Protein backbone atom coordinates (compact mmCIF):
# COMPACT_ATOMS: atom_id res chain seq x y z
CA UNK A 1 -0.53 6.63 -14.76
CA UNK A 2 -3.80 5.63 -16.36
CA UNK A 3 -6.64 8.00 -15.52
CA UNK A 4 -10.32 7.26 -15.58
CA UNK A 5 -12.56 9.30 -17.87
CA UNK A 6 -14.00 11.04 -14.79
CA UNK A 7 -10.49 11.93 -13.52
CA UNK A 8 -9.60 13.41 -16.90
CA UNK A 9 -12.76 15.53 -17.10
CA UNK A 10 -12.48 16.69 -13.48
CA UNK A 11 -8.81 17.55 -13.88
CA UNK A 12 -7.85 15.12 -11.12
CA UNK A 13 -4.40 13.59 -11.04
CA UNK A 14 -5.67 10.57 -9.12
CA UNK A 15 -5.44 9.82 -5.41
CA UNK A 16 -3.09 11.76 -3.13
CA UNK A 17 0.03 9.96 -1.93
CA UNK A 18 0.15 8.36 1.52
CA UNK A 19 3.01 9.15 3.90
CA UNK A 20 3.85 7.53 7.24
CA UNK A 21 5.42 10.55 8.92
CA UNK A 22 7.53 9.15 11.77
CA UNK A 23 8.57 5.92 13.53
CA UNK A 24 5.46 4.51 15.19
CA UNK A 25 3.13 5.82 12.46
CA UNK A 26 0.47 3.24 11.53
CA UNK A 27 -1.60 2.98 8.36
CA UNK A 28 -4.73 0.80 8.56
CA UNK A 29 -7.10 0.36 5.66
CA UNK A 30 -8.42 -1.74 2.79
CA UNK A 31 -6.54 -2.29 -0.48
CA UNK A 32 -8.80 -1.21 -3.35
CA UNK A 33 -6.20 -1.59 -6.12
CA UNK A 34 -2.70 -3.04 -6.38
CA UNK A 35 -0.46 -2.62 -9.41
CA UNK A 36 3.15 -2.44 -10.54
CA UNK A 37 4.43 1.03 -11.34
CA UNK A 38 7.71 2.59 -12.37
CA UNK A 39 9.67 4.17 -9.54
CA UNK A 40 10.25 7.89 -10.08
CA UNK A 41 12.86 10.27 -8.73
CA UNK A 42 11.21 12.38 -6.03
CA UNK A 43 12.87 15.65 -7.17
CA UNK A 44 12.75 15.34 -10.96
CA UNK A 45 9.78 13.03 -11.55
CA UNK A 46 11.90 11.07 -14.04
CA UNK A 47 11.88 7.25 -14.00
CA UNK A 48 14.60 5.65 -11.86
CA UNK A 49 16.60 3.03 -13.76
CA UNK A 50 18.96 0.16 -13.06
CA UNK A 51 22.53 0.29 -14.39
CA UNK A 52 21.39 -1.48 -17.59
CA UNK A 53 18.81 1.26 -18.25
CA UNK A 54 15.71 -0.77 -17.40
CA UNK A 55 13.20 1.02 -15.15
CA UNK A 56 12.95 0.11 -11.48
CA UNK A 57 9.51 -1.18 -10.64
CA UNK A 58 7.60 -0.66 -7.44
CA UNK A 59 4.39 -1.83 -5.81
CA UNK A 60 1.65 0.84 -5.94
CA UNK A 61 -1.36 0.42 -3.64
CA UNK A 62 -4.58 2.43 -3.54
CA UNK A 63 -5.85 2.12 0.03
CA UNK A 64 -9.15 3.17 1.58
CA UNK A 65 -7.81 4.59 4.84
CA UNK A 66 -9.37 3.87 8.22
CA UNK A 67 -8.60 7.25 9.81
CA UNK A 68 -9.89 6.19 13.23
CA UNK A 69 -7.22 3.48 13.51
CA UNK A 70 -4.42 5.17 11.54
CA UNK A 71 -1.86 7.33 13.37
CA UNK A 72 0.84 9.63 12.00
CA UNK A 73 -0.38 9.31 8.41
CA UNK A 74 -1.02 12.10 5.91
CA UNK A 75 -2.29 12.12 2.36
CA UNK A 76 -1.17 14.70 -0.15
CA UNK A 77 -0.12 18.08 1.13
CA UNK A 78 -1.19 19.59 4.43
CA UNK A 79 -3.73 18.04 6.74
CA UNK A 80 -5.93 16.51 4.04
CA UNK A 81 -7.54 13.20 5.02
CA UNK A 82 -8.48 11.65 1.70
CA UNK A 83 -10.79 8.62 1.73
CA UNK A 84 -8.44 6.79 -0.65
CA UNK A 85 -4.72 7.43 -0.96
CA UNK A 86 -1.92 5.89 -2.99
CA UNK A 87 1.08 4.25 -1.31
CA UNK A 88 4.14 4.14 -3.56
CA UNK A 89 6.04 1.29 -1.89
CA UNK A 90 9.81 1.53 -1.73
CA UNK A 91 11.91 -1.62 -1.34
CA UNK A 92 11.61 -2.07 2.44
CA UNK A 93 7.84 -1.46 2.36
CA UNK A 94 7.53 -4.04 -0.44
CA UNK A 95 9.55 -6.53 1.62
CA UNK A 96 7.38 -6.02 4.71
CA UNK A 97 4.19 -6.49 2.66
CA UNK A 98 5.61 -9.56 0.88
CA UNK A 99 6.48 -11.14 4.26
CA UNK A 100 2.98 -10.34 5.56
CA UNK A 101 1.38 -11.94 2.48
CA UNK A 102 3.50 -15.06 2.96
CA UNK A 103 2.62 -15.25 6.67
CA UNK A 104 -1.11 -14.86 5.89
CA UNK A 105 -0.96 -17.34 2.99
CA UNK A 106 -2.41 -14.87 0.48
CA UNK A 107 -1.26 -13.34 -2.78
CA UNK A 108 -1.15 -9.55 -3.05
CA UNK A 109 -4.08 -9.69 -5.48
CA UNK A 110 -6.17 -11.30 -2.69
CA UNK A 111 -5.34 -8.75 0.02
CA UNK A 112 -8.09 -6.60 1.49
CA UNK A 113 -7.33 -5.38 5.03
CA UNK A 114 -3.79 -4.07 5.47
CA UNK A 115 -1.81 -2.48 8.28
CA UNK A 116 1.63 -0.97 7.83
CA UNK A 117 3.74 0.40 10.69
CA UNK A 118 6.88 2.47 10.35
CA UNK A 119 9.50 1.15 12.76
CA UNK A 120 12.61 2.89 14.08
CA UNK A 121 14.90 3.88 11.21
CA UNK A 122 17.73 1.51 10.33
CA UNK A 123 21.45 2.18 9.96
CA UNK A 124 22.52 3.72 6.63
CA UNK A 125 24.82 1.63 4.45
CA UNK A 126 26.79 4.81 3.74
CA UNK A 127 27.27 7.58 6.35
CA UNK A 128 26.38 10.19 3.68
CA UNK A 129 22.92 8.70 3.21
CA UNK A 130 19.77 9.03 5.29
CA UNK A 131 18.86 6.07 7.53
CA UNK A 132 16.45 3.68 5.78
CA UNK A 133 12.86 3.60 7.04
CA UNK A 134 11.95 0.14 8.39
CA UNK A 135 8.42 -1.32 8.24
CA UNK A 136 6.25 -4.13 9.55
CA UNK A 137 3.02 -5.15 7.85
CA UNK A 138 0.04 -7.39 8.38
CA UNK A 139 -2.54 -8.34 5.77
CA UNK A 140 -5.71 -10.40 5.52
CA UNK A 141 -7.64 -11.95 2.66
CA UNK A 142 -10.25 -9.79 0.95
CA UNK A 143 -13.79 -11.04 1.37
CA UNK A 144 -16.44 -10.75 -1.31
CA UNK A 145 -20.12 -10.22 -0.78
CA UNK A 146 -22.10 -13.46 -1.11
CA UNK A 147 -22.90 -14.22 -4.73
CA UNK A 148 -20.46 -11.71 -6.24
CA UNK A 149 -18.13 -14.38 -7.62
CA UNK A 150 -21.00 -16.20 -9.34
CA UNK A 151 -22.28 -12.94 -10.82
CA UNK A 152 -18.86 -12.25 -12.28
CA UNK A 153 -18.58 -15.77 -13.69
CA UNK A 154 -15.58 -16.68 -11.55
CA UNK A 155 -14.33 -20.21 -12.03
CA UNK A 156 -12.97 -20.39 -8.48
CA UNK A 157 -15.21 -20.62 -5.42
CA UNK A 158 -15.55 -17.53 -3.26
CA UNK A 159 -12.82 -17.00 -0.69
CA UNK A 160 -13.76 -18.01 2.82
CA UNK A 161 -14.55 -15.13 5.14
CA UNK A 162 -11.51 -13.66 6.84
CA UNK A 163 -11.12 -14.47 10.51
CA UNK A 164 -11.35 -11.65 13.03
CA UNK A 165 -7.95 -10.11 13.80
CA UNK A 166 -6.12 -11.75 16.68
CA UNK A 167 -5.68 -9.76 19.90
CA UNK A 168 -2.61 -7.52 19.54
CA UNK A 169 -2.81 -7.68 15.74
CA UNK A 170 -1.84 -4.62 13.72
CA UNK A 171 -5.23 -4.95 12.01
CA UNK A 172 -7.14 -5.02 15.32
């Protein structure tokens, strides 16, 4: 993980992780950074690899959490409610977010508002394993402040403002 100079000097390890604690838990927020990371074993911290030895990659999202609209979500240990947390997306979370991006017609790099809901757990492929957590997601295009793209010398025009969430939307 790349740290900022401030994180290094303050002794910070970065943002606390985000956890959706139970079926029905809902995370609502704004993506502030999206990147590809290497999946790590929860117990050992070592990289998880495919059979050929190459590391498994995962989507890593830093999200500014809307605590008023989020339910059943924790960051880090205990009852901490960090302003920004990191979601280390496992396969089924990645699939839900990919489907949401496709439905919204946006690339992950364009996503701002995001909602992720943990559904009822699925059926394990092997009776010795835990049931897989299932997810649904909804995303919307990030909007920039007027003039920001021209200040940054962007060659593309600014994205149109995002429409208000539809009634019943996860983002609403």
